PDB file of N, CA and C in Angstrom:
ATOM      1  N   UNK A   1       5.385  21.133   3.884  1.00  0.00           N
ATOM      2  CA  UNK A   1       6.761  21.601   3.873  1.00  0.00           C
ATOM      3  C   UNK A   1       7.508  20.775   2.837  1.00  0.00           C
ATOM      4  N   UNK A   2       8.242  21.451   1.976  1.00  0.00           N
ATOM      5  CA  UNK A   2       8.976  20.755   0.931  1.00  0.00           C
ATOM      6  C   UNK A   2      10.254  21.499   0.579  1.00  0.00           C
ATOM      7  N   UNK A   3      11.145  20.777  -0.082  1.00  0.00           N
ATOM      8  CA  UNK A   3      12.372  21.363  -0.594  1.00  0.00           C
ATOM      9  C   UNK A   3      12.482  20.959  -2.058  1.00  0.00           C
ATOM     10  N   UNK A   4      12.884  21.894  -2.891  1.00  0.00           N
ATOM     11  CA  UNK A   4      13.062  21.642  -4.314  1.00  0.00           C
ATOM     12  C   UNK A   4      14.552  21.699  -4.627  1.00  0.00           C
ATOM     13  N   UNK A   5      15.111  20.559  -5.026  1.00  0.00           N
ATOM     14  CA  UNK A   5      16.544  20.494  -5.336  1.00  0.00           C
ATOM     15  C   UNK A   5      16.785  20.240  -6.825  1.00  0.00           C
ATOM     16  N   UNK A   6      15.772  20.432  -7.637  1.00  0.00           N
ATOM     17  CA  UNK A   6      15.888  20.230  -9.084  1.00  0.00           C
ATOM     18  C   UNK A   6      16.994  21.139  -9.629  1.00  0.00           C
ATOM     19  N   UNK A   7      17.865  20.565 -10.442  1.00  0.00           N
ATOM     20  CA  UNK A   7      18.932  21.335 -11.074  1.00  0.00           C
ATOM     21  C   UNK A   7      20.192  21.468 -10.253  1.00  0.00           C
ATOM     22  N   UNK A   8      20.176  20.986  -9.039  1.00  0.00           N
ATOM     23  CA  UNK A   8      21.383  21.053  -8.199  1.00  0.00           C
ATOM     24  C   UNK A   8      22.231  19.799  -8.401  1.00  0.00           C
ATOM     25  N   UNK A   9      23.501  19.926  -8.103  1.00  0.00           N
ATOM     26  CA  UNK A   9      24.397  18.767  -8.117  1.00  0.00           C
ATOM     27  C   UNK A   9      24.213  17.996  -6.816  1.00  0.00           C
ATOM     28  N   UNK A  10      24.475  16.717  -6.869  1.00  0.00           N
ATOM     29  CA  UNK A  10      24.316  15.864  -5.688  1.00  0.00           C
ATOM     30  C   UNK A  10      25.117  16.409  -4.514  1.00  0.00           C
ATOM     31  N   UNK A  11      26.365  16.799  -4.742  1.00  0.00           N
ATOM     32  CA  UNK A  11      27.220  17.239  -3.639  1.00  0.00           C
ATOM     33  C   UNK A  11      26.744  18.533  -2.991  1.00  0.00           C
ATOM     34  N   UNK A  12      25.991  19.350  -3.697  1.00  0.00           N
ATOM     35  CA  UNK A  12      25.446  20.548  -3.069  1.00  0.00           C
ATOM     36  C   UNK A  12      24.044  20.315  -2.514  1.00  0.00           C
ATOM     37  N   UNK A  13      23.312  19.367  -3.081  1.00  0.00           N
ATOM     38  CA  UNK A  13      21.927  19.128  -2.669  1.00  0.00           C
ATOM     39  C   UNK A  13      21.810  18.342  -1.367  1.00  0.00           C
ATOM     40  N   UNK A  14      22.671  17.356  -1.155  1.00  0.00           N
ATOM     41  CA  UNK A  14      22.510  16.491   0.017  1.00  0.00           C
ATOM     42  C   UNK A  14      22.655  17.228   1.340  1.00  0.00           C
ATOM     43  N   UNK A  15      23.603  18.151   1.497  1.00  0.00           N
ATOM     44  CA  UNK A  15      23.631  18.918   2.762  1.00  0.00           C
ATOM     45  C   UNK A  15      22.368  19.752   2.963  1.00  0.00           C
ATOM     46  N   UNK A  16      21.798  20.266   1.870  1.00  0.00           N
ATOM     47  CA  UNK A  16      20.557  21.031   1.972  1.00  0.00           C
ATOM     48  C   UNK A  16      19.407  20.150   2.436  1.00  0.00           C
ATOM     49  N   UNK A  17      19.339  18.936   1.901  1.00  0.00           N
ATOM     50  CA  UNK A  17      18.278  18.002   2.297  1.00  0.00           C
ATOM     51  C   UNK A  17      18.445  17.608   3.760  1.00  0.00           C
ATOM     52  N   UNK A  18      19.661  17.339   4.177  1.00  0.00           N
ATOM     53  CA  UNK A  18      19.913  16.957   5.569  1.00  0.00           C
ATOM     54  C   UNK A  18      19.496  18.080   6.516  1.00  0.00           C
ATOM     55  N   UNK A  19      19.851  19.308   6.191  1.00  0.00           N
ATOM     56  CA  UNK A  19      19.459  20.463   7.016  1.00  0.00           C
ATOM     57  C   UNK A  19      17.937  20.624   7.013  1.00  0.00           C
ATOM     58  N   UNK A  20      17.325  20.430   5.851  1.00  0.00           N
ATOM     59  CA  UNK A  20      15.867  20.513   5.723  1.00  0.00           C
ATOM     60  C   UNK A  20      15.185  19.512   6.651  1.00  0.00           C
ATOM     61  N   UNK A  21      15.701  18.295   6.716  1.00  0.00           N
ATOM     62  CA  UNK A  21      15.124  17.271   7.600  1.00  0.00           C
ATOM     63  C   UNK A  21      15.255  17.686   9.060  1.00  0.00           C
ATOM     64  N   UNK A  22      16.410  18.215   9.442  1.00  0.00           N
ATOM     65  CA  UNK A  22      16.599  18.701  10.816  1.00  0.00           C
ATOM     66  C   UNK A  22      15.568  19.780  11.155  1.00  0.00           C
ATOM     67  N   UNK A  23      15.402  20.730  10.237  1.00  0.00           N
ATOM     68  CA  UNK A  23      14.465  21.828  10.475  1.00  0.00           C
ATOM     69  C   UNK A  23      13.019  21.328  10.534  1.00  0.00           C
ATOM     70  N   UNK A  24      12.689  20.356   9.696  1.00  0.00           N
ATOM     71  CA  UNK A  24      11.331  19.805   9.685  1.00  0.00           C
ATOM     72  C   UNK A  24      11.013  19.126  11.010  1.00  0.00           C
ATOM     73  N   UNK A  25      11.966  18.376  11.542  1.00  0.00           N
ATOM     74  CA  UNK A  25      11.761  17.700  12.823  1.00  0.00           C
ATOM     75  C   UNK A  25      11.616  18.733  13.940  1.00  0.00           C
ATOM     76  N   UNK A  26      12.466  19.751  13.928  1.00  0.00           N
ATOM     77  CA  UNK A  26      12.382  20.789  14.967  1.00  0.00           C
ATOM     78  C   UNK A  26      11.063  21.554  14.883  1.00  0.00           C
ATOM     79  N   UNK A  27      10.496  21.651  13.684  1.00  0.00           N
ATOM     80  CA  UNK A  27       9.215  22.340  13.495  1.00  0.00           C
ATOM     81  C   UNK A  27       8.022  21.438  13.799  1.00  0.00           C
ATOM     82  N   UNK A  28       8.297  20.168  14.128  1.00  0.00           N
ATOM     83  CA  UNK A  28       7.222  19.255  14.484  1.00  0.00           C
ATOM     84  C   UNK A  28       6.476  18.660  13.301  1.00  0.00           C
ATOM     85  N   UNK A  29       7.070  18.690  12.135  1.00  0.00           N
ATOM     86  CA  UNK A  29       6.422  18.123  10.940  1.00  0.00           C
ATOM     87  C   UNK A  29       6.390  16.602  11.023  1.00  0.00           C
ATOM     88  N   UNK A  30       5.346  16.018  10.477  1.00  0.00           N
ATOM     89  CA  UNK A  30       5.222  14.559  10.430  1.00  0.00           C
ATOM     90  C   UNK A  30       5.630  14.022   9.066  1.00  0.00           C
ATOM     91  N   UNK A  31       5.448  14.857   8.029  1.00  0.00           N
ATOM     92  CA  UNK A  31       5.708  14.414   6.658  1.00  0.00           C
ATOM     93  C   UNK A  31       6.252  15.592   5.853  1.00  0.00           C
ATOM     94  N   UNK A  32       7.228  15.320   4.995  1.00  0.00           N
ATOM     95  CA  UNK A  32       7.772  16.336   4.103  1.00  0.00           C
ATOM     96  C   UNK A  32       7.932  15.750   2.707  1.00  0.00           C
ATOM     97  N   UNK A  33       8.158  16.637   1.743  1.00  0.00           N
ATOM     98  CA  UNK A  33       8.348  16.197   0.364  1.00  0.00           C
ATOM     99  C   UNK A  33       9.643  16.784  -0.172  1.00  0.00           C
ATOM    100  N   UNK A  34      10.404  15.939  -0.840  1.00  0.00           N
ATOM    101  CA  UNK A  34      11.641  16.361  -1.482  1.00  0.00           C
ATOM    102  C   UNK A  34      11.412  16.267  -2.985  1.00  0.00           C
ATOM    103  N   UNK A  35      11.504  17.395  -3.665  1.00  0.00           N
ATOM    104  CA  UNK A  35      11.304  17.431  -5.113  1.00  0.00           C
ATOM    105  C   UNK A  35      12.672  17.383  -5.774  1.00  0.00           C
ATOM    106  N   UNK A  36      12.942  16.293  -6.472  1.00  0.00           N
ATOM    107  CA  UNK A  36      14.246  16.101  -7.113  1.00  0.00           C
ATOM    108  C   UNK A  36      14.152  16.005  -8.625  1.00  0.00           C
ATOM    109  N   UNK A  37      12.964  15.918  -9.166  1.00  0.00           N
ATOM    110  CA  UNK A  37      12.792  15.824 -10.607  1.00  0.00           C
ATOM    111  C   UNK A  37      13.130  14.435 -11.130  1.00  0.00           C
ATOM    112  N   UNK A  38      13.135  14.325 -12.437  1.00  0.00           N
ATOM    113  CA  UNK A  38      13.377  13.025 -13.074  1.00  0.00           C
ATOM    114  C   UNK A  38      14.810  12.937 -13.592  1.00  0.00           C
ATOM    115  N   UNK A  39      15.163  13.699 -14.600  1.00  0.00           N
ATOM    116  CA  UNK A  39      16.515  13.724 -15.134  1.00  0.00           C
ATOM    117  C   UNK A  39      17.084  12.334 -15.337  1.00  0.00           C
ATOM    118  N   UNK A  40      18.340  12.168 -14.962  1.00  0.00           N
ATOM    119  CA  UNK A  40      19.022  10.875 -15.077  1.00  0.00           C
ATOM    120  C   UNK A  40      18.894  10.032 -13.810  1.00  0.00           C
ATOM    121  N   UNK A  41      18.233  10.563 -12.795  1.00  0.00           N
ATOM    122  CA  UNK A  41      17.990   9.812 -11.575  1.00  0.00           C
ATOM    123  C   UNK A  41      19.058   9.938 -10.510  1.00  0.00           C
ATOM    124  N   UNK A  42      20.067  10.759 -10.750  1.00  0.00           N
ATOM    125  CA  UNK A  42      21.150  10.878  -9.760  1.00  0.00           C
ATOM    126  C   UNK A  42      20.650  11.451  -8.439  1.00  0.00           C
ATOM    127  N   UNK A  43      19.868  12.527  -8.518  1.00  0.00           N
ATOM    128  CA  UNK A  43      19.357  13.125  -7.284  1.00  0.00           C
ATOM    129  C   UNK A  43      18.421  12.170  -6.557  1.00  0.00           C
ATOM    130  N   UNK A  44      17.556  11.494  -7.294  1.00  0.00           N
ATOM    131  CA  UNK A  44      16.629  10.544  -6.661  1.00  0.00           C
ATOM    132  C   UNK A  44      17.400   9.458  -5.921  1.00  0.00           C
ATOM    133  N   UNK A  45      18.403   8.912  -6.562  1.00  0.00           N
ATOM    134  CA  UNK A  45      19.214   7.861  -5.911  1.00  0.00           C
ATOM    135  C   UNK A  45      19.946   8.397  -4.692  1.00  0.00           C
ATOM    136  N   UNK A  46      20.519   9.584  -4.808  1.00  0.00           N
ATOM    137  CA  UNK A  46      21.244  10.174  -3.682  1.00  0.00           C
ATOM    138  C   UNK A  46      20.299  10.464  -2.518  1.00  0.00           C
ATOM    139  N   UNK A  47      19.095  10.953  -2.822  1.00  0.00           N
ATOM    140  CA  UNK A  47      18.102  11.207  -1.772  1.00  0.00           C
ATOM    141  C   UNK A  47      17.758   9.901  -1.068  1.00  0.00           C
ATOM    142  N   UNK A  48      17.513   8.845  -1.837  1.00  0.00           N
ATOM    143  CA  UNK A  48      17.178   7.544  -1.236  1.00  0.00           C
ATOM    144  C   UNK A  48      18.300   7.046  -0.345  1.00  0.00           C
ATOM    145  N   UNK A  49      19.543   7.194  -0.800  1.00  0.00           N
ATOM    146  CA  UNK A  49      20.683   6.753   0.014  1.00  0.00           C
ATOM    147  C   UNK A  49      20.790   7.551   1.302  1.00  0.00           C
ATOM    148  N   UNK A  50      20.540   8.854   1.223  1.00  0.00           N
ATOM    149  CA  UNK A  50      20.591   9.695   2.422  1.00  0.00           C
ATOM    150  C   UNK A  50      19.484   9.311   3.406  1.00  0.00           C
ATOM    151  N   UNK A  51      18.281   9.079   2.876  1.00  0.00           N
ATOM    152  CA  UNK A  51      17.140   8.790   3.737  1.00  0.00           C
ATOM    153  C   UNK A  51      17.218   7.408   4.368  1.00  0.00           C
ATOM    154  N   UNK A  52      17.815   6.460   3.675  1.00  0.00           N
ATOM    155  CA  UNK A  52      17.910   5.092   4.178  1.00  0.00           C
ATOM    156  C   UNK A  52      18.777   5.067   5.435  1.00  0.00           C
ATOM    157  N   UNK A  53      18.165   4.828   6.553  1.00  0.00           N
ATOM    158  CA  UNK A  53      18.889   4.784   7.827  1.00  0.00           C
ATOM    159  C   UNK A  53      19.074   6.138   8.493  1.00  0.00           C
ATOM    160  N   UNK A  54      18.524   7.205   7.906  1.00  0.00           N
ATOM    161  CA  UNK A  54      18.654   8.536   8.509  1.00  0.00           C
ATOM    162  C   UNK A  54      17.899   8.548   9.838  1.00  0.00           C
ATOM    163  N   UNK A  55      18.472   9.130  10.894  1.00  0.00           N
ATOM    164  CA  UNK A  55      17.834   9.083  12.216  1.00  0.00           C
ATOM    165  C   UNK A  55      16.475   9.778  12.298  1.00  0.00           C
ATOM    166  N   UNK A  56      16.182  10.726  11.421  1.00  0.00           N
ATOM    167  CA  UNK A  56      14.898  11.426  11.464  1.00  0.00           C
ATOM    168  C   UNK A  56      13.820  10.754  10.624  1.00  0.00           C
ATOM    169  N   UNK A  57      14.186   9.751   9.838  1.00  0.00           N
ATOM    170  CA  UNK A  57      13.270   9.189   8.841  1.00  0.00           C
ATOM    171  C   UNK A  57      12.664   7.875   9.318  1.00  0.00           C
ATOM    172  N   UNK A  58      11.335   7.848   9.379  1.00  0.00           N
ATOM    173  CA  UNK A  58      10.625   6.609   9.708  1.00  0.00           C
ATOM    174  C   UNK A  58      10.445   5.772   8.444  1.00  0.00           C
ATOM    175  N   UNK A  59      10.078   6.438   7.330  1.00  0.00           N
ATOM    176  CA  UNK A  59       9.904   5.751   6.047  1.00  0.00           C
ATOM    177  C   UNK A  59       9.885   6.793   4.937  1.00  0.00           C
ATOM    178  N   UNK A  60      10.029   6.301   3.709  1.00  0.00           N
ATOM    179  CA  UNK A  60       9.927   7.197   2.559  1.00  0.00           C
ATOM    180  C   UNK A  60       9.450   6.401   1.357  1.00  0.00           C
ATOM    181  N   UNK A  61       8.870   7.135   0.391  1.00  0.00           N
ATOM    182  CA  UNK A  61       8.316   6.510  -0.807  1.00  0.00           C
ATOM    183  C   UNK A  61       8.295   7.528  -1.930  1.00  0.00           C
ATOM    184  N   UNK A  62       8.150   7.022  -3.152  1.00  0.00           N
ATOM    185  CA  UNK A  62       7.964   7.911  -4.298  1.00  0.00           C
ATOM    186  C   UNK A  62       6.630   8.614  -4.152  1.00  0.00           C
ATOM    187  N   UNK A  63       6.571   9.816  -4.644  1.00  0.00           N
ATOM    188  CA  UNK A  63       5.323  10.564  -4.582  1.00  0.00           C
ATOM    189  C   UNK A  63       4.243   9.926  -5.432  1.00  0.00           C
ATOM    190  N   UNK A  64       3.009  10.092  -5.021  1.00  0.00           N
ATOM    191  CA  UNK A  64       1.881   9.669  -5.840  1.00  0.00           C
ATOM    192  C   UNK A  64       1.677  10.720  -6.924  1.00  0.00           C
ATOM    193  N   UNK A  65       0.775  10.457  -7.853  1.00  0.00           N
ATOM    194  CA  UNK A  65       0.555  11.371  -8.983  1.00  0.00           C
ATOM    195  C   UNK A  65       0.303  12.809  -8.528  1.00  0.00           C
ATOM    196  N   UNK A  66      -0.459  12.988  -7.458  1.00  0.00           N
ATOM    197  CA  UNK A  66      -0.770  14.339  -6.980  1.00  0.00           C
ATOM    198  C   UNK A  66       0.323  14.928  -6.091  1.00  0.00           C
ATOM    199  N   UNK A  67       1.404  14.177  -5.881  1.00  0.00           N
ATOM    200  CA  UNK A  67       2.517  14.639  -5.039  1.00  0.00           C
ATOM    201  C   UNK A  67       3.801  14.843  -5.845  1.00  0.00           C
ATOM    202  N   UNK A  68       3.718  14.701  -7.156  1.00  0.00           N
ATOM    203  CA  UNK A  68       4.911  14.860  -7.988  1.00  0.00           C
ATOM    204  C   UNK A  68       5.384  13.569  -8.611  1.00  0.00           C
ATOM    205  N   UNK A  69       4.676  12.476  -8.348  1.00  0.00           N
ATOM    206  CA  UNK A  69       5.044  11.182  -8.926  1.00  0.00           C
ATOM    207  C   UNK A  69       6.489  10.807  -8.629  1.00  0.00           C
ATOM    208  N   UNK A  70       7.140  10.200  -9.608  1.00  0.00           N
ATOM    209  CA  UNK A  70       8.528   9.768  -9.438  1.00  0.00           C
ATOM    210  C   UNK A  70       9.525  10.903  -9.347  1.00  0.00           C
ATOM    211  N   UNK A  71       9.071  12.135  -9.546  1.00  0.00           N
ATOM    212  CA  UNK A  71       9.956  13.287  -9.429  1.00  0.00           C
ATOM    213  C   UNK A  71      10.030  13.846  -8.022  1.00  0.00           C
ATOM    214  N   UNK A  72       9.389  13.160  -7.082  1.00  0.00           N
ATOM    215  CA  UNK A  72       9.393  13.613  -5.687  1.00  0.00           C
ATOM    216  C   UNK A  72       9.447  12.405  -4.761  1.00  0.00           C
ATOM    217  N   UNK A  73       9.960  12.619  -3.581  1.00  0.00           N
ATOM    218  CA  UNK A  73       9.994  11.604  -2.540  1.00  0.00           C
ATOM    219  C   UNK A  73       9.272  12.163  -1.321  1.00  0.00           C
ATOM    220  N   UNK A  74       8.345  11.383  -0.789  1.00  0.00           N
ATOM    221  CA  UNK A  74       7.592  11.753   0.405  1.00  0.00           C
ATOM    222  C   UNK A  74       8.210  11.037   1.588  1.00  0.00           C
ATOM    223  N   UNK A  75       8.491  11.787   2.630  1.00  0.00           N
ATOM    224  CA  UNK A  75       9.204  11.267   3.800  1.00  0.00           C
ATOM    225  C   UNK A  75       8.327  11.382   5.036  1.00  0.00           C
ATOM    226  N   UNK A  76       8.153  10.262   5.732  1.00  0.00           N
ATOM    227  CA  UNK A  76       7.490  10.252   7.040  1.00  0.00           C
ATOM    228  C   UNK A  76       8.593  10.374   8.093  1.00  0.00           C
ATOM    229  N   UNK A  77       8.439  11.357   8.972  1.00  0.00           N
ATOM    230  CA  UNK A  77       9.472  11.618   9.970  1.00  0.00           C
ATOM    231  C   UNK A  77       9.168  10.933  11.301  1.00  0.00           C
ATOM    232  N   UNK A  78      10.214  10.655  12.034  1.00  0.00           N
ATOM    233  CA  UNK A  78      10.071  10.069  13.372  1.00  0.00           C
ATOM    234  C   UNK A  78       9.607  11.158  14.346  1.00  0.00           C
ATOM    235  N   UNK A  79       8.974  10.716  15.421  1.00  0.00           N
ATOM    236  CA  UNK A  79       8.539  11.666  16.468  1.00  0.00           C
ATOM    237  C   UNK A  79       9.720  12.246  17.181  1.00  0.00           C
TER     238      UNK A  79
END
């Protein structure tokens, strides 16, 4: 399960990511991927700020090469 927010503005993307996390938890997902691209890094930073301390998030990290690398964030969700 993933969400692609490439090309969106931070103010429109963050509510989408928050809703996506809610839906992922309700669907019983353990891990999701947020594709934010590289660009100037605004979306990546905003995603990290949203995920840091988010009640559904156990941990998060940059994607590995086969997961989108630095253009994606992989999120481990809480039970």
